[in-house]
C-alpha atoms as a PDB file:
ATOM      1  CA  MET A   1     -12.814 -16.692   6.400  1.00  0.00           C
ATOM      2  CA  GLY A   2     -14.760 -17.783   9.415  1.00  0.00           C
ATOM      3  CA  ASN A   3     -18.164 -16.616  10.424  1.00  0.00           C
ATOM      4  CA  ASN A   4     -17.245 -14.346  13.323  1.00  0.00           C
ATOM      5  CA  ILE A   5     -18.682 -10.841  13.433  1.00  0.00           C
ATOM      6  CA  SER A   6     -15.431  -9.214  12.283  1.00  0.00           C
ATOM      7  CA  ASP A   7     -15.359 -11.394   9.169  1.00  0.00           C
ATOM      8  CA  ILE A   8     -19.014 -10.645   8.433  1.00  0.00           C
ATOM      9  CA  ILE A   9     -18.501  -6.888   8.770  1.00  0.00           C
ATOM     10  CA  GLU A  10     -15.393  -7.045   6.582  1.00  0.00           C
ATOM     11  CA  GLN A  11     -17.245  -9.024   3.887  1.00  0.00           C
ATOM     12  CA  TYR A  12     -20.134  -6.557   3.984  1.00  0.00           C
ATOM     13  CA  LEU A  13     -17.866  -3.509   3.619  1.00  0.00           C
ATOM     14  CA  LYS A  14     -15.897  -5.125   0.785  1.00  0.00           C
ATOM     15  CA  ARG A  15     -19.132  -6.017  -1.005  1.00  0.00           C
ATOM     16  CA  ILE A  16     -20.475  -2.473  -0.871  1.00  0.00           C
ATOM     17  CA  LEU A  17     -17.075  -1.168  -1.995  1.00  0.00           C
ATOM     18  CA  GLU A  18     -17.265  -3.533  -4.987  1.00  0.00           C
ATOM     19  CA  GLU A  19     -20.711  -2.170  -5.820  1.00  0.00           C
ATOM     20  CA  SER A  20     -19.547   1.447  -5.553  1.00  0.00           C
ATOM     21  CA  ASP A  21     -18.902   3.333  -8.768  1.00  0.00           C
ATOM     22  CA  PHE A  22     -16.250   5.403  -6.999  1.00  0.00           C
ATOM     23  CA  ASP A  23     -14.263   2.728  -5.082  1.00  0.00           C
ATOM     24  CA  MET A  24     -15.370   4.540  -1.955  1.00  0.00           C
ATOM     25  CA  VAL A  25     -17.909   4.006   0.785  1.00  0.00           C
ATOM     26  CA  GLU A  26     -18.968   6.365   3.543  1.00  0.00           C
ATOM     27  CA  ILE A  27     -20.521   4.849   6.644  1.00  0.00           C
ATOM     28  CA  GLN A  28     -21.771   5.893  10.050  1.00  0.00           C
ATOM     29  CA  ARG A  29     -20.038   3.806  12.726  1.00  0.00           C
ATOM     30  CA  SER A  30     -23.077   3.754  15.020  1.00  0.00           C
ATOM     31  CA  GLU A  31     -25.475   2.777  12.230  1.00  0.00           C
ATOM     32  CA  LEU A  32     -23.218  -0.079  11.121  1.00  0.00           C
ATOM     33  CA  ALA A  33     -22.846  -1.266  14.726  1.00  0.00           C
ATOM     34  CA  GLU A  34     -26.617  -1.236  15.096  1.00  0.00           C
ATOM     35  CA  GLN A  35     -27.046  -3.141  11.823  1.00  0.00           C
ATOM     36  CA  PHE A  36     -24.680  -5.896  13.003  1.00  0.00           C
ATOM     37  CA  HIS A  37     -25.774  -5.822  16.658  1.00  0.00           C
ATOM     38  CA  CYS A  38     -22.301  -5.040  17.952  1.00  0.00           C
ATOM     39  CA  VAL A  39     -20.515  -2.205  19.714  1.00  0.00           C
ATOM     40  CA  PRO A  40     -18.982   0.631  17.675  1.00  0.00           C
ATOM     41  CA  SER A  41     -15.508  -0.395  18.836  1.00  0.00           C
ATOM     42  CA  GLN A  42     -15.996  -3.649  16.881  1.00  0.00           C
ATOM     43  CA  ILE A  43     -16.439  -1.561  13.728  1.00  0.00           C
ATOM     44  CA  ASN A  44     -13.269   0.377  14.621  1.00  0.00           C
ATOM     45  CA  TYR A  45     -11.378  -2.900  15.064  1.00  0.00           C
ATOM     46  CA  VAL A  46     -12.429  -4.255  11.667  1.00  0.00           C
ATOM     47  CA  ILE A  47     -11.575  -1.037   9.877  1.00  0.00           C
ATOM     48  CA  SER A  48      -8.232  -0.500  11.619  1.00  0.00           C
ATOM     49  CA  THR A  49      -7.020  -4.059  11.037  1.00  0.00           C
ATOM     50  CA  ARG A  50      -8.530  -5.039   7.695  1.00  0.00           C
ATOM     51  CA  PHE A  51      -8.792  -1.784   5.752  1.00  0.00           C
ATOM     52  CA  THR A  52      -5.232  -0.507   5.988  1.00  0.00           C
ATOM     53  CA  VAL A  53      -2.967   1.071   3.403  1.00  0.00           C
ATOM     54  CA  ASP A  54      -1.094  -2.233   3.267  1.00  0.00           C
ATOM     55  CA  HIS A  55      -4.336  -3.859   2.169  1.00  0.00           C
ATOM     56  CA  GLY A  56      -4.935  -1.165  -0.443  1.00  0.00           C
ATOM     57  CA  TYR A  57      -7.318   1.127   1.456  1.00  0.00           C
ATOM     58  CA  ILE A  58      -7.288   4.664   2.785  1.00  0.00           C
ATOM     59  CA  VAL A  59      -9.564   5.335   5.738  1.00  0.00           C
ATOM     60  CA  GLU A  60     -10.652   8.810   6.773  1.00  0.00           C
ATOM     61  CA  SER A  61     -12.924   9.610   9.665  1.00  0.00           C
ATOM     62  CA  LYS A  62     -14.730  12.589  11.055  1.00  0.00           C
ATOM     63  CA  ARG A  63     -15.924  12.387  14.611  1.00  0.00           C
ATOM     64  CA  GLY A  64     -18.806  14.155  16.256  1.00  0.00           C
ATOM     65  CA  GLY A  65     -22.321  14.895  15.057  1.00  0.00           C
ATOM     66  CA  GLY A  66     -22.667  13.950  11.430  1.00  0.00           C
ATOM     67  CA  GLY A  67     -19.348  12.133  11.614  1.00  0.00           C
ATOM     68  CA  TYR A  68     -18.475   9.384   9.187  1.00  0.00           C
ATOM     69  CA  ILE A  69     -15.895   6.830   8.212  1.00  0.00           C
ATOM     70  CA  ARG A  70     -14.867   6.942   4.564  1.00  0.00           C
ATOM     71  CA  ILE A  71     -13.074   3.939   3.076  1.00  0.00           C
ATOM     72  CA  ARG A  72     -11.389   4.353  -0.294  1.00  0.00           C
ATOM     73  CA  ARG A  73      -9.864   1.520  -2.250  1.00  0.00           C
ATOM     74  CA  VAL A  74      -6.464   2.276  -3.737  1.00  0.00           C
ATOM     75  CA  LYS A  75      -5.746   0.258  -6.839  1.00  0.00           C
ATOM     76  CA  LEU A  76      -2.573  -1.756  -6.453  1.00  0.00           C
ATOM     77  CA  ASP A  77      -1.506  -1.764 -10.105  1.00  0.00           C
ATOM     78  CA  ARG A  78       2.253  -1.273  -9.712  1.00  0.00           C
ATOM     79  CA  GLU A  79       2.635   0.942 -12.776  1.00  0.00           C
ATOM     80  CA  HIS A  80      -0.139   3.290 -11.684  1.00  0.00           C
ATOM     81  CA  LEU A  81       0.306   3.224  -7.910  1.00  0.00           C
ATOM     82  CA  VAL A  82       1.279   6.881  -7.507  1.00  0.00           C
ATOM     83  CA  LEU A  83      -1.509   8.062  -9.810  1.00  0.00           C
ATOM     84  CA  GLU A  84      -4.060   6.044  -7.860  1.00  0.00           C
ATOM     85  CA  VAL A  85      -2.767   7.416  -4.574  1.00  0.00           C
ATOM     86  CA  LEU A  86      -3.045  10.939  -5.993  1.00  0.00           C
ATOM     87  CA  ARG A  87      -6.633  10.329  -7.070  1.00  0.00           C
ATOM     88  CA  SER A  88      -7.596   8.895  -3.710  1.00  0.00           C
ATOM     89  CA  LEU A  89      -5.993  11.492  -1.429  1.00  0.00           C
ATOM     90  CA  GLY A  90      -8.959  13.755  -0.921  1.00  0.00           C
ATOM     91  CA  ASP A  91      -8.887  17.191   0.680  1.00  0.00           C
ATOM     92  CA  GLU A  92      -7.507  16.125   4.069  1.00  0.00           C
ATOM     93  CA  ILE A  93      -5.050  13.499   5.288  1.00  0.00           C
ATOM     94  CA  SER A  94      -3.929  12.631   8.790  1.00  0.00           C
ATOM     95  CA  GLN A  95      -0.269  12.330   9.710  1.00  0.00           C
ATOM     96  CA  ALA A  96      -0.632   8.567  10.307  1.00  0.00           C
ATOM     97  CA  THR A  97      -2.267   7.999   6.913  1.00  0.00           C
ATOM     98  CA  GLY A  98       0.318  10.149   5.166  1.00  0.00           C
ATOM     99  CA  GLU A  99       3.166   8.256   6.810  1.00  0.00           C
ATOM    100  CA  ALA A 100       1.622   4.914   5.873  1.00  0.00           C
ATOM    101  CA  LEU A 101       1.252   6.015   2.233  1.00  0.00           C
ATOM    102  CA  ILE A 102       4.846   7.198   2.091  1.00  0.00           C
ATOM    103  CA  GLU A 103       6.043   3.934   3.623  1.00  0.00           C
ATOM    104  CA  ARG A 104       4.081   2.030   1.000  1.00  0.00           C
ATOM    105  CA  LEU A 105       5.602   4.079  -1.802  1.00  0.00           C
ATOM    106  CA  TYR A 106       9.050   3.391  -0.371  1.00  0.00           C
ATOM    107  CA  ARG A 107       8.375  -0.357  -0.172  1.00  0.00           C
ATOM    108  CA  GLU A 108       7.172  -0.295  -3.787  1.00  0.00           C
ATOM    109  CA  SER A 109      10.394   1.546  -4.796  1.00  0.00           C
ATOM    110  CA  TRP A 110       8.556   4.665  -5.948  1.00  0.00           C
ATOM    111  CA  VAL A 111      10.559   6.864  -3.607  1.00  0.00           C
ATOM    112  CA  THR A 112      14.049   6.514  -2.214  1.00  0.00           C
ATOM    113  CA  ARG A 113      14.682   6.256   1.524  1.00  0.00           C
ATOM    114  CA  ARG A 114      15.846   9.888   1.508  1.00  0.00           C
ATOM    115  CA  GLU A 115      12.720  11.072  -0.350  1.00  0.00           C
ATOM    116  CA  ALA A 116      10.507   9.115   2.041  1.00  0.00           C
ATOM    117  CA  GLN A 117      12.220  10.646   5.065  1.00  0.00           C
ATOM    118  CA  MET A 118      11.931  14.146   3.591  1.00  0.00           C
ATOM    119  CA  LEU A 119       8.242  13.665   2.795  1.00  0.00           C
ATOM    120  CA  GLN A 120       7.476  12.262   6.227  1.00  0.00           C
ATOM    121  CA  ASN A 121       9.351  15.081   7.928  1.00  0.00           C
ATOM    122  CA  MET A 122       7.606  17.831   5.973  1.00  0.00           C
ATOM    123  CA  LEU A 123       4.197  16.333   6.839  1.00  0.00           C
ATOM    124  CA  ARG A 124       4.773  16.054  10.605  1.00  0.00           C
ATOM    125  CA  ARG A 125       2.401  17.982  12.847  1.00  0.00           C
ATOM    126  CA  GLU A 126       5.401  19.710  14.466  1.00  0.00           C
ATOM    127  CA  VAL A 127       6.425  21.090  11.081  1.00  0.00           C
ATOM    128  CA  LEU A 128       2.898  21.978   9.975  1.00  0.00           C
ATOM    129  CA  ALA A 129       2.315  24.048  13.092  1.00  0.00           C
ATOM    130  CA  VAL A 130      -1.296  25.030  12.390  1.00  0.00           C
ATOM    131  CA  ASP A 131      -4.521  23.837  13.979  1.00  0.00           C
ATOM    132  CA  LEU A 132      -6.752  21.078  12.656  1.00  0.00           C
ATOM    133  CA  PRO A 133      -8.481  20.767  10.206  1.00  0.00           C
ATOM    134  CA  LEU A 134      -6.235  23.210   8.340  1.00  0.00           C
ATOM    135  CA  ARG A 135      -3.173  21.052   9.128  1.00  0.00           C
ATOM    136  CA  ASP A 136      -4.717  17.954   7.496  1.00  0.00           C
ATOM    137  CA  LYS A 137      -5.740  20.018   4.469  1.00  0.00           C
ATOM    138  CA  LEU A 138      -2.272  21.504   4.141  1.00  0.00           C
ATOM    139  CA  ARG A 139      -0.701  18.041   4.527  1.00  0.00           C
ATOM    140  CA  ALA A 140      -2.898  16.664   1.715  1.00  0.00           C
ATOM    141  CA  LYS A 141      -1.944  19.522  -0.619  1.00  0.00           C
ATOM    142  CA  LEU A 142       1.772  19.162   0.127  1.00  0.00           C
ATOM    143  CA  LEU A 143       1.716  15.401  -0.352  1.00  0.00           C
ATOM    144  CA  TYR A 144      -0.304  15.734  -3.544  1.00  0.00           C
ATOM    145  CA  GLY A 145       2.162  18.265  -4.993  1.00  0.00           C
ATOM    146  CA  ALA A 146       5.205  16.200  -4.051  1.00  0.00           C
ATOM    147  CA  LEU A 147       3.746  12.997  -5.497  1.00  0.00           C
ATOM    148  CA  GLN A 148       2.868  14.769  -8.741  1.00  0.00           C
ATOM    149  CA  VAL A 149       6.541  15.687  -9.169  1.00  0.00           C
ATOM    150  CA  ILE A 150       7.648  12.153  -8.303  1.00  0.00           C
ATOM    151  CA  ALA A 151       5.178  10.639 -10.795  1.00  0.00           C
ATOM    152  CA  ALA A 152       6.232  13.054 -13.541  1.00  0.00           C
ATOM    153  CA  HIS A 153       9.947  12.332 -13.083  1.00  0.00           C
ATOM    154  CA  ARG A 154       9.885   8.575 -12.617  1.00  0.00           C
ATOM    155  CA  ASP A 155      12.400   6.751 -14.821  1.00  0.00           C
END
């Protein structure tokens, strides 16, 4: 890794994740930007490109006063992938995060193409026609329940 600001922010976030007892860190975007003397959009860039589901992370954010960014590390142990995803889901999940998780489970052969398509369809905002934040809470509960069944019936 080089020494540009994105690399430094990434290293910092990974270090505090390593030190966390819960494989989770909650940060304030503006405070982190101030700490590293950069604009908040730089923090967004680092998180959106280097802390993705593909890299083993789930990112949740809450905007507005008292808002935060929560980064959770998802263990990549193949045999326990679904269980780790279940543990890391939390109470709310966005459509984009849910779709990324389902895609990951498909790539890891935990769900079939048909199961992945069914899960993604049932979690779409058009199907869950309720307002936020209830929609994200409902999506998390539905995904959690479906993944429990998949984990229990895996060959």
